[in-house]
Amino acid sequence: MKFSLLFFFNFLLIFTSCTDPNKDEDLKKRELTLINKEQEFAAKQKDYEELKMMRDSLQSLSDTTLVAKVPEKILGRWNGKMICTESNCSDYVIGDLRNDIWEFKTDSVKITNKSGGERWYSLQVIGSELRINSDIEPLNNNKTEIILQLPTENSDRMKGNREIVRENCTSKFSVDLEKIKK
């Protein structure tokens, strides 16, 4: 009998220690915290997968946007006429006219002004456009972008726009080029 009473007492002691309400509450809190962390991780993983898909689509887009070779017809010297159409810079006034010589190479353009000053620009053919860009010049923070429409087969003229962006202002020009006959 003593043994059964002792066994019953030990069983009761063990049973009551397993049902500690604080431990149950702590366990529930830990479980909720774990569930929240799992949900946060799943959201981050979803964002990561979306970013990877966007990166891959951008890479495939750049692969499909082929930069074409400069047509033979473009190569050579052109008379350039630029008229300022919009400006908030003190150097240019709407209606200003500039005449330059443009010399197209396979990957660059040299623009020579009346006084003999030369500037080199990078050149790309994308679709039916010539895109001409200057790198930002370290001394004066100028950036130039010129977009010209490729001429048709029987035309020796190109038209487009030029935008000069400086630190405080922007000037826009219409550009008209005519091929110099040899």
N, C-alpha and C. Protein backbone atom coordinates (compact mmCIF):
# COMPACT_ATOMS: atom_id res chain seq x y z
N MET A 1 0.81 -1.18 0.00
CA MET A 1 0.00 0.00 0.00
C MET A 1 0.85 1.25 0.00
N LYS A 2 1.93 1.22 0.79
CA LYS A 2 2.81 2.37 0.83
C LYS A 2 3.41 2.61 -0.56
N PHE A 3 3.71 1.49 -1.17
CA PHE A 3 4.30 1.64 -2.49
C PHE A 3 3.30 2.26 -3.47
N SER A 4 2.06 1.89 -3.47
CA SER A 4 1.06 2.45 -4.35
C SER A 4 0.81 3.90 -4.01
N LEU A 5 0.78 4.22 -2.71
CA LEU A 5 0.59 5.61 -2.33
C LEU A 5 1.78 6.45 -2.77
N LEU A 6 2.95 5.95 -2.62
CA LEU A 6 4.16 6.66 -3.07
C LEU A 6 4.16 6.80 -4.60
N PHE A 7 3.76 5.77 -5.28
CA PHE A 7 3.69 5.84 -6.73
C PHE A 7 2.65 6.87 -7.18
N PHE A 8 1.49 6.88 -6.53
CA PHE A 8 0.43 7.83 -6.85
C PHE A 8 0.89 9.26 -6.58
N PHE A 9 1.61 9.47 -5.53
CA PHE A 9 2.13 10.80 -5.18
C PHE A 9 3.14 11.30 -6.23
N ASN A 10 4.03 10.44 -6.60
CA ASN A 10 5.02 10.79 -7.64
C ASN A 10 4.34 11.08 -8.99
N PHE A 11 3.34 10.23 -9.27
CA PHE A 11 2.62 10.45 -10.53
C PHE A 11 1.89 11.80 -10.50
N LEU A 12 1.27 12.13 -9.41
CA LEU A 12 0.57 13.40 -9.25
C LEU A 12 1.55 14.58 -9.32
N LEU A 13 2.70 14.44 -8.71
CA LEU A 13 3.72 15.49 -8.74
C LEU A 13 4.24 15.72 -10.17
N ILE A 14 4.50 14.66 -10.86
CA ILE A 14 4.99 14.77 -12.23
C ILE A 14 3.90 15.36 -13.13
N PHE A 15 2.67 14.93 -12.96
CA PHE A 15 1.56 15.39 -13.78
C PHE A 15 1.30 16.89 -13.57
N THR A 16 1.36 17.33 -12.34
CA THR A 16 1.12 18.75 -12.07
C THR A 16 2.27 19.62 -12.56
N SER A 17 3.49 19.12 -12.55
CA SER A 17 4.62 19.92 -13.03
C SER A 17 4.58 20.06 -14.55
N CYS A 18 3.96 19.17 -15.26
CA CYS A 18 3.87 19.25 -16.72
C CYS A 18 2.84 20.26 -17.18
N THR A 19 1.95 20.61 -16.33
CA THR A 19 0.89 21.54 -16.73
C THR A 19 1.12 22.92 -16.14
N ASP A 20 2.33 23.36 -16.11
CA ASP A 20 2.65 24.71 -15.62
C ASP A 20 2.10 25.73 -16.61
N PRO A 21 1.19 26.63 -16.18
CA PRO A 21 0.57 27.59 -17.10
C PRO A 21 1.57 28.58 -17.70
N ASN A 22 2.62 28.93 -17.01
CA ASN A 22 3.63 29.85 -17.53
C ASN A 22 4.38 29.23 -18.70
N LYS A 23 4.66 27.96 -18.57
CA LYS A 23 5.37 27.29 -19.65
C LYS A 23 4.50 27.19 -20.89
N ASP A 24 3.23 26.91 -20.70
CA ASP A 24 2.31 26.86 -21.85
C ASP A 24 2.24 28.22 -22.53
N GLU A 25 2.16 29.28 -21.75
CA GLU A 25 2.08 30.63 -22.31
C GLU A 25 3.37 30.98 -23.05
N ASP A 26 4.50 30.65 -22.46
CA ASP A 26 5.79 30.89 -23.12
C ASP A 26 5.89 30.12 -24.44
N LEU A 27 5.43 28.90 -24.40
CA LEU A 27 5.46 28.07 -25.60
C LEU A 27 4.59 28.67 -26.70
N LYS A 28 3.42 29.19 -26.35
CA LYS A 28 2.53 29.82 -27.33
C LYS A 28 3.16 31.09 -27.91
N LYS A 29 3.81 31.87 -27.05
CA LYS A 29 4.49 33.09 -27.53
C LYS A 29 5.61 32.74 -28.51
N ARG A 30 6.39 31.73 -28.15
CA ARG A 30 7.47 31.30 -29.04
C ARG A 30 6.92 30.80 -30.38
N GLU A 31 5.81 30.08 -30.30
CA GLU A 31 5.21 29.55 -31.51
C GLU A 31 4.71 30.70 -32.40
N LEU A 32 4.07 31.72 -31.81
CA LEU A 32 3.62 32.89 -32.59
C LEU A 32 4.80 33.64 -33.20
N THR A 33 5.87 33.80 -32.42
CA THR A 33 7.06 34.47 -32.93
C THR A 33 7.64 33.69 -34.11
N LEU A 34 7.70 32.40 -33.99
CA LEU A 34 8.21 31.56 -35.06
C LEU A 34 7.34 31.67 -36.32
N ILE A 35 6.03 31.66 -36.13
CA ILE A 35 5.11 31.79 -37.27
C ILE A 35 5.32 33.14 -37.95
N ASN A 36 5.47 34.23 -37.17
CA ASN A 36 5.70 35.56 -37.75
C ASN A 36 7.01 35.60 -38.52
N LYS A 37 8.05 35.01 -37.96
CA LYS A 37 9.34 35.00 -38.65
C LYS A 37 9.25 34.19 -39.95
N GLU A 38 8.52 33.09 -39.92
CA GLU A 38 8.35 32.29 -41.13
C GLU A 38 7.61 33.09 -42.20
N GLN A 39 6.58 33.85 -41.80
CA GLN A 39 5.84 34.66 -42.76
C GLN A 39 6.72 35.78 -43.32
N GLU A 40 7.51 36.43 -42.46
CA GLU A 40 8.43 37.47 -42.93
C GLU A 40 9.44 36.89 -43.92
N PHE A 41 9.96 35.72 -43.60
CA PHE A 41 10.92 35.08 -44.47
C PHE A 41 10.28 34.72 -45.81
N ALA A 42 9.06 34.23 -45.78
CA ALA A 42 8.36 33.88 -47.02
C ALA A 42 8.14 35.14 -47.86
N ALA A 43 7.80 36.28 -47.24
CA ALA A 43 7.61 37.53 -47.98
C ALA A 43 8.93 37.98 -48.60
N LYS A 44 10.01 37.90 -47.83
CA LYS A 44 11.32 38.28 -48.37
C LYS A 44 11.74 37.36 -49.50
N GLN A 45 11.46 36.08 -49.36
CA GLN A 45 11.81 35.14 -50.41
C GLN A 45 11.01 35.44 -51.67
N LYS A 46 9.74 35.80 -51.51
CA LYS A 46 8.90 36.15 -52.66
C LYS A 46 9.46 37.40 -53.35
N ASP A 47 9.84 38.43 -52.56
CA ASP A 47 10.44 39.64 -53.13
C ASP A 47 11.72 39.31 -53.88
N TYR A 48 12.53 38.46 -53.29
CA TYR A 48 13.78 38.06 -53.92
C TYR A 48 13.52 37.38 -55.27
N GLU A 49 12.55 36.47 -55.30
CA GLU A 49 12.23 35.78 -56.55
C GLU A 49 11.72 36.77 -57.60
N GLU A 50 10.89 37.76 -57.18
CA GLU A 50 10.39 38.76 -58.12
C GLU A 50 11.54 39.62 -58.65
N LEU A 51 12.47 39.99 -57.77
CA LEU A 51 13.63 40.77 -58.21
C LEU A 51 14.49 39.98 -59.20
N LYS A 52 14.67 38.69 -58.93
CA LYS A 52 15.43 37.86 -59.87
C LYS A 52 14.74 37.80 -61.23
N MET A 53 13.41 37.67 -61.21
CA MET A 53 12.67 37.61 -62.47
C MET A 53 12.79 38.94 -63.21
N MET A 54 12.74 40.07 -62.48
CA MET A 54 12.86 41.37 -63.11
C MET A 54 14.26 41.54 -63.69
N ARG A 55 15.28 41.13 -62.95
CA ARG A 55 16.65 41.21 -63.45
C ARG A 55 16.81 40.40 -64.72
N ASP A 56 16.27 39.18 -64.70
CA ASP A 56 16.37 38.33 -65.88
C ASP A 56 15.64 38.93 -67.07
N SER A 57 14.47 39.53 -66.83
CA SER A 57 13.73 40.14 -67.94
C SER A 57 14.47 41.36 -68.48
N LEU A 58 15.12 42.13 -67.60
CA LEU A 58 15.89 43.28 -68.06
C LEU A 58 17.11 42.83 -68.86
N GLN A 59 17.74 41.76 -68.42
CA GLN A 59 18.89 41.25 -69.16
C GLN A 59 18.46 40.73 -70.52
N SER A 60 17.34 40.05 -70.58
CA SER A 60 16.88 39.55 -71.88
C SER A 60 16.43 40.70 -72.76
N LEU A 61 15.88 41.78 -72.15
CA LEU A 61 15.48 42.95 -72.92
C LEU A 61 16.70 43.61 -73.54
N SER A 62 17.78 43.75 -72.76
CA SER A 62 18.98 44.37 -73.31
C SER A 62 19.60 43.49 -74.39
N ASP A 63 19.40 42.19 -74.30
CA ASP A 63 19.90 41.30 -75.34
C ASP A 63 19.08 41.47 -76.62
N THR A 64 17.78 41.75 -76.49
CA THR A 64 16.94 41.89 -77.68
C THR A 64 17.03 43.27 -78.29
N THR A 65 17.39 44.29 -77.50
CA THR A 65 17.56 45.63 -78.04
C THR A 65 18.97 45.69 -78.63
N LEU A 66 19.08 45.24 -79.83
CA LEU A 66 20.39 45.16 -80.45
C LEU A 66 20.84 46.53 -80.90
N VAL A 67 22.08 46.81 -80.63
CA VAL A 67 22.69 48.04 -81.12
C VAL A 67 23.22 47.71 -82.50
N ALA A 68 22.64 48.36 -83.48
CA ALA A 68 22.98 48.05 -84.87
C ALA A 68 24.28 48.73 -85.27
N LYS A 69 24.81 48.26 -86.36
CA LYS A 69 26.02 48.85 -86.93
C LYS A 69 25.65 50.15 -87.63
N VAL A 70 26.55 51.11 -87.59
CA VAL A 70 26.32 52.40 -88.26
C VAL A 70 26.30 52.16 -89.76
N PRO A 71 25.21 52.58 -90.45
CA PRO A 71 25.15 52.38 -91.89
C PRO A 71 26.26 53.14 -92.62
N GLU A 72 26.75 52.56 -93.70
CA GLU A 72 27.81 53.20 -94.50
C GLU A 72 27.41 54.60 -94.94
N LYS A 73 26.15 54.76 -95.26
CA LYS A 73 25.65 56.03 -95.76
C LYS A 73 25.85 57.18 -94.76
N ILE A 74 25.88 56.85 -93.49
CA ILE A 74 26.02 57.87 -92.43
C ILE A 74 27.47 58.33 -92.30
N LEU A 75 28.41 57.45 -92.54
CA LEU A 75 29.81 57.77 -92.34
C LEU A 75 30.24 58.94 -93.22
N GLY A 76 31.09 59.79 -92.66
CA GLY A 76 31.59 60.93 -93.43
C GLY A 76 31.21 62.26 -92.78
N ARG A 77 31.33 63.32 -93.58
CA ARG A 77 31.14 64.68 -93.07
C ARG A 77 29.75 65.21 -93.45
N TRP A 78 29.18 65.98 -92.49
CA TRP A 78 27.86 66.55 -92.66
C TRP A 78 27.90 68.01 -92.19
N ASN A 79 27.15 68.89 -92.88
CA ASN A 79 26.94 70.25 -92.40
C ASN A 79 25.80 70.20 -91.40
N GLY A 80 26.04 70.77 -90.23
CA GLY A 80 25.03 70.75 -89.19
C GLY A 80 24.50 72.14 -88.89
N LYS A 81 23.19 72.23 -88.75
CA LYS A 81 22.54 73.49 -88.41
C LYS A 81 21.65 73.21 -87.20
N MET A 82 21.91 73.95 -86.12
CA MET A 82 21.12 73.77 -84.91
C MET A 82 20.47 75.09 -84.54
N ILE A 83 19.19 75.02 -84.18
CA ILE A 83 18.46 76.21 -83.75
C ILE A 83 17.92 75.94 -82.35
N CYS A 84 18.18 76.87 -81.44
CA CYS A 84 17.72 76.74 -80.05
C CYS A 84 16.20 76.91 -80.02
N THR A 85 15.51 75.92 -79.47
CA THR A 85 14.05 75.95 -79.40
C THR A 85 13.53 76.17 -77.99
N GLU A 86 14.39 75.90 -77.00
CA GLU A 86 13.96 76.03 -75.60
C GLU A 86 15.22 76.14 -74.75
N SER A 87 15.24 77.12 -73.82
CA SER A 87 16.44 77.26 -72.99
C SER A 87 16.13 78.06 -71.74
N ASN A 88 16.70 77.64 -70.65
CA ASN A 88 16.71 78.45 -69.43
C ASN A 88 18.16 78.69 -68.99
N CYS A 89 19.09 78.54 -69.94
CA CYS A 89 20.51 78.80 -69.71
C CYS A 89 20.85 80.20 -70.24
N SER A 90 21.78 80.85 -69.59
CA SER A 90 22.17 82.20 -70.03
C SER A 90 23.02 82.15 -71.30
N ASP A 91 23.64 81.01 -71.62
CA ASP A 91 24.49 80.89 -72.81
C ASP A 91 23.70 80.81 -74.11
N TYR A 92 22.45 80.37 -74.06
CA TYR A 92 21.65 80.15 -75.27
C TYR A 92 20.34 80.91 -75.15
N VAL A 93 19.92 81.48 -76.29
CA VAL A 93 18.65 82.18 -76.38
C VAL A 93 17.83 81.48 -77.46
N ILE A 94 16.53 81.41 -77.25
CA ILE A 94 15.67 80.78 -78.25
C ILE A 94 15.87 81.49 -79.58
N GLY A 95 16.12 80.72 -80.61
CA GLY A 95 16.38 81.27 -81.94
C GLY A 95 17.86 81.30 -82.29
N ASP A 96 18.76 81.08 -81.32
CA ASP A 96 20.20 81.03 -81.61
C ASP A 96 20.45 79.98 -82.68
N LEU A 97 21.32 80.31 -83.62
CA LEU A 97 21.65 79.42 -84.73
C LEU A 97 23.13 79.05 -84.63
N ARG A 98 23.42 77.77 -84.76
CA ARG A 98 24.80 77.30 -84.75
C ARG A 98 25.01 76.43 -85.97
N ASN A 99 26.13 76.67 -86.65
CA ASN A 99 26.51 75.86 -87.80
C ASN A 99 27.82 75.16 -87.48
N ASP A 100 27.82 73.84 -87.58
CA ASP A 100 28.99 73.03 -87.25
C ASP A 100 29.22 72.00 -88.35
N ILE A 101 30.39 71.39 -88.33
CA ILE A 101 30.69 70.25 -89.21
C ILE A 101 30.67 69.00 -88.34
N TRP A 102 29.89 68.03 -88.74
CA TRP A 102 29.77 66.77 -88.02
C TRP A 102 30.47 65.70 -88.86
N GLU A 103 31.36 64.95 -88.21
CA GLU A 103 32.05 63.87 -88.90
C GLU A 103 31.73 62.56 -88.19
N PHE A 104 31.00 61.68 -88.89
CA PHE A 104 30.56 60.41 -88.32
C PHE A 104 31.60 59.33 -88.58
N LYS A 105 32.03 58.65 -87.53
CA LYS A 105 32.90 57.47 -87.60
C LYS A 105 32.03 56.25 -87.28
N THR A 106 32.61 55.08 -87.18
CA THR A 106 31.81 53.88 -86.92
C THR A 106 31.22 53.84 -85.51
N ASP A 107 31.87 54.48 -84.54
CA ASP A 107 31.36 54.44 -83.18
C ASP A 107 31.38 55.79 -82.48
N SER A 108 31.68 56.86 -83.21
CA SER A 108 31.77 58.19 -82.60
C SER A 108 31.46 59.28 -83.61
N VAL A 109 31.27 60.47 -83.07
CA VAL A 109 31.00 61.64 -83.89
C VAL A 109 31.91 62.76 -83.40
N LYS A 110 32.53 63.46 -84.34
CA LYS A 110 33.33 64.63 -84.01
C LYS A 110 32.57 65.84 -84.53
N ILE A 111 32.28 66.80 -83.63
CA ILE A 111 31.60 68.02 -84.04
C ILE A 111 32.60 69.16 -83.92
N THR A 112 32.82 69.85 -85.05
CA THR A 112 33.78 70.96 -85.10
C THR A 112 33.00 72.26 -85.32
N ASN A 113 33.22 73.24 -84.42
CA ASN A 113 32.51 74.52 -84.58
C ASN A 113 33.30 75.46 -85.48
N LYS A 114 32.76 76.65 -85.74
CA LYS A 114 33.38 77.61 -86.66
C LYS A 114 34.79 78.00 -86.25
N SER A 115 35.02 78.10 -84.95
CA SER A 115 36.34 78.54 -84.49
C SER A 115 37.35 77.39 -84.42
N GLY A 116 36.95 76.19 -84.81
CA GLY A 116 37.88 75.06 -84.84
C GLY A 116 37.84 74.19 -83.61
N GLY A 117 37.01 74.53 -82.62
CA GLY A 117 36.87 73.69 -81.43
C GLY A 117 36.21 72.36 -81.76
N GLU A 118 36.76 71.28 -81.22
CA GLU A 118 36.25 69.94 -81.52
C GLU A 118 35.74 69.28 -80.26
N ARG A 119 34.67 68.52 -80.42
CA ARG A 119 34.14 67.69 -79.33
C ARG A 119 33.82 66.32 -79.89
N TRP A 120 34.13 65.28 -79.13
CA TRP A 120 33.87 63.91 -79.53
C TRP A 120 32.71 63.36 -78.71
N TYR A 121 31.84 62.61 -79.35
CA TYR A 121 30.67 62.02 -78.72
C TYR A 121 30.59 60.55 -79.10
N SER A 122 30.03 59.74 -78.21
CA SER A 122 29.81 58.33 -78.54
C SER A 122 28.56 58.21 -79.40
N LEU A 123 28.50 57.15 -80.19
CA LEU A 123 27.43 56.97 -81.17
C LEU A 123 26.90 55.55 -81.10
N GLN A 124 25.58 55.43 -81.11
CA GLN A 124 24.92 54.12 -81.17
C GLN A 124 23.75 54.22 -82.13
N VAL A 125 23.50 53.15 -82.85
CA VAL A 125 22.32 53.06 -83.70
C VAL A 125 21.37 52.08 -83.01
N ILE A 126 20.19 52.59 -82.64
CA ILE A 126 19.19 51.75 -82.00
C ILE A 126 17.90 51.90 -82.79
N GLY A 127 17.52 50.83 -83.43
CA GLY A 127 16.32 50.88 -84.27
C GLY A 127 16.55 51.84 -85.43
N SER A 128 15.68 52.84 -85.55
CA SER A 128 15.80 53.82 -86.64
C SER A 128 16.38 55.13 -86.14
N GLU A 129 17.06 55.09 -84.99
CA GLU A 129 17.61 56.32 -84.41
C GLU A 129 19.12 56.22 -84.23
N LEU A 130 19.76 57.37 -84.37
CA LEU A 130 21.16 57.52 -83.98
C LEU A 130 21.15 58.20 -82.62
N ARG A 131 21.80 57.62 -81.65
CA ARG A 131 21.87 58.21 -80.32
C ARG A 131 23.31 58.64 -80.09
N ILE A 132 23.48 59.93 -79.86
CA ILE A 132 24.80 60.52 -79.69
C ILE A 132 24.84 61.10 -78.28
N ASN A 133 25.84 60.69 -77.50
CA ASN A 133 25.93 61.13 -76.11
C ASN A 133 27.33 61.57 -75.77
N SER A 134 27.40 62.55 -74.90
CA SER A 134 28.69 62.92 -74.33
C SER A 134 28.72 62.38 -72.92
N ASP A 135 29.88 62.02 -72.48
CA ASP A 135 30.02 61.69 -71.07
C ASP A 135 30.00 63.01 -70.32
N ILE A 136 29.64 62.96 -69.05
CA ILE A 136 29.64 64.20 -68.27
C ILE A 136 31.07 64.70 -68.19
N GLU A 137 31.26 65.94 -68.59
CA GLU A 137 32.59 66.52 -68.58
C GLU A 137 32.92 66.95 -67.16
N PRO A 138 34.05 66.50 -66.61
CA PRO A 138 34.35 66.75 -65.21
C PRO A 138 34.51 68.22 -64.85
N LEU A 139 34.95 69.04 -65.80
CA LEU A 139 35.20 70.45 -65.46
C LEU A 139 33.93 71.28 -65.40
N ASN A 140 32.94 70.99 -66.25
CA ASN A 140 31.77 71.85 -66.26
C ASN A 140 30.43 71.12 -66.13
N ASN A 141 30.43 69.83 -65.86
CA ASN A 141 29.21 69.05 -65.63
C ASN A 141 28.19 69.16 -66.76
N ASN A 142 28.65 69.30 -68.00
CA ASN A 142 27.74 69.32 -69.15
C ASN A 142 27.47 67.90 -69.61
N LYS A 143 26.24 67.65 -70.04
CA LYS A 143 25.89 66.37 -70.65
C LYS A 143 25.04 66.68 -71.87
N THR A 144 25.41 66.10 -72.99
CA THR A 144 24.68 66.33 -74.23
C THR A 144 24.11 65.02 -74.72
N GLU A 145 22.85 65.07 -75.15
CA GLU A 145 22.22 63.91 -75.78
C GLU A 145 21.59 64.40 -77.08
N ILE A 146 21.91 63.70 -78.16
CA ILE A 146 21.39 64.05 -79.47
C ILE A 146 20.73 62.80 -80.03
N ILE A 147 19.50 62.95 -80.50
CA ILE A 147 18.78 61.83 -81.12
C ILE A 147 18.41 62.26 -82.53
N LEU A 148 18.92 61.51 -83.50
CA LEU A 148 18.64 61.79 -84.91
C LEU A 148 17.90 60.61 -85.53
N GLN A 149 17.01 60.89 -86.45
CA GLN A 149 16.33 59.84 -87.20
C GLN A 149 17.22 59.46 -88.38
N LEU A 150 17.42 58.19 -88.60
CA LEU A 150 18.22 57.74 -89.74
C LEU A 150 17.57 58.21 -91.04
N PRO A 151 18.39 58.62 -92.01
CA PRO A 151 17.81 59.08 -93.28
C PRO A 151 17.25 57.92 -94.08
N THR A 152 16.31 58.23 -94.94
CA THR A 152 15.79 57.21 -95.84
C THR A 152 16.86 56.93 -96.90
N GLU A 153 16.64 55.90 -97.68
CA GLU A 153 17.63 55.47 -98.67
C GLU A 153 18.04 56.56 -99.65
N ASN A 154 17.09 57.37 -100.10
CA ASN A 154 17.41 58.36 -101.12
C ASN A 154 17.58 59.77 -100.54
N SER A 155 17.82 59.87 -99.24
CA SER A 155 17.95 61.19 -98.63
C SER A 155 19.35 61.39 -98.09
N ASP A 156 19.85 62.60 -98.23
CA ASP A 156 21.14 62.97 -97.66
C ASP A 156 20.94 63.97 -96.52
N ARG A 157 19.80 63.85 -95.83
CA ARG A 157 19.49 64.75 -94.72
C ARG A 157 19.09 63.92 -93.50
N MET A 158 19.44 64.44 -92.33
CA MET A 158 19.00 63.86 -91.07
C MET A 158 18.45 64.98 -90.20
N LYS A 159 17.41 64.66 -89.44
CA LYS A 159 16.82 65.62 -88.52
C LYS A 159 16.70 64.98 -87.16
N GLY A 160 16.70 65.85 -86.14
CA GLY A 160 16.54 65.34 -84.79
C GLY A 160 16.57 66.45 -83.77
N ASN A 161 16.91 66.07 -82.54
CA ASN A 161 16.93 67.00 -81.41
C ASN A 161 18.22 66.85 -80.63
N ARG A 162 18.62 67.96 -80.01
CA ARG A 162 19.79 67.95 -79.14
C ARG A 162 19.39 68.59 -77.83
N GLU A 163 19.84 67.98 -76.73
CA GLU A 163 19.56 68.52 -75.41
C GLU A 163 20.88 68.64 -74.65
N ILE A 164 21.14 69.84 -74.16
CA ILE A 164 22.34 70.08 -73.35
C ILE A 164 21.87 70.32 -71.92
N VAL A 165 22.35 69.48 -71.02
CA VAL A 165 21.96 69.59 -69.62
C VAL A 165 23.17 70.03 -68.82
N ARG A 166 22.99 71.10 -68.09
CA ARG A 166 24.04 71.60 -67.20
C ARG A 166 23.54 71.49 -65.78
N GLU A 167 24.36 71.95 -64.86
CA GLU A 167 24.02 71.83 -63.44
C GLU A 167 22.71 72.54 -63.11
N ASN A 168 22.50 73.75 -63.64
CA ASN A 168 21.32 74.54 -63.27
C ASN A 168 20.33 74.73 -64.41
N CYS A 169 20.63 74.28 -65.61
CA CYS A 169 19.76 74.64 -66.73
C CYS A 169 19.81 73.58 -67.83
N THR A 170 18.85 73.72 -68.76
CA THR A 170 18.73 72.81 -69.90
C THR A 170 18.43 73.63 -71.15
N SER A 171 19.07 73.26 -72.26
CA SER A 171 18.81 73.90 -73.55
C SER A 171 18.48 72.82 -74.56
N LYS A 172 17.48 73.10 -75.42
CA LYS A 172 17.07 72.14 -76.45
C LYS A 172 17.19 72.80 -77.81
N PHE A 173 17.64 72.00 -78.78
CA PHE A 173 17.87 72.48 -80.14
C PHE A 173 17.20 71.54 -81.13
N SER A 174 16.76 72.08 -82.26
CA SER A 174 16.40 71.22 -83.38
C SER A 174 17.66 71.11 -84.24
N VAL A 175 17.90 69.93 -84.77
CA VAL A 175 19.12 69.65 -85.52
C VAL A 175 18.74 69.25 -86.94
N ASP A 176 19.43 69.84 -87.91
CA ASP A 176 19.23 69.50 -89.32
C ASP A 176 20.62 69.29 -89.93
N LEU A 177 20.88 68.10 -90.44
CA LEU A 177 22.17 67.77 -91.03
C LEU A 177 22.01 67.47 -92.50
N GLU A 178 23.00 67.94 -93.28
CA GLU A 178 23.01 67.65 -94.71
C GLU A 178 24.38 67.11 -95.09
N LYS A 179 24.39 65.98 -95.80
CA LYS A 179 25.63 65.31 -96.18
C LYS A 179 26.44 66.21 -97.11
N ILE A 180 27.76 66.30 -96.84
CA ILE A 180 28.67 67.08 -97.68
C ILE A 180 29.07 66.19 -98.85
N LYS A 181 28.81 66.66 -100.05
CA LYS A 181 29.18 65.92 -101.25
C LYS A 181 30.67 66.10 -101.51
N LYS A 182 31.33 65.07 -101.93
CA LYS A 182 32.78 65.13 -102.15
C LYS A 182 33.09 65.74 -103.47
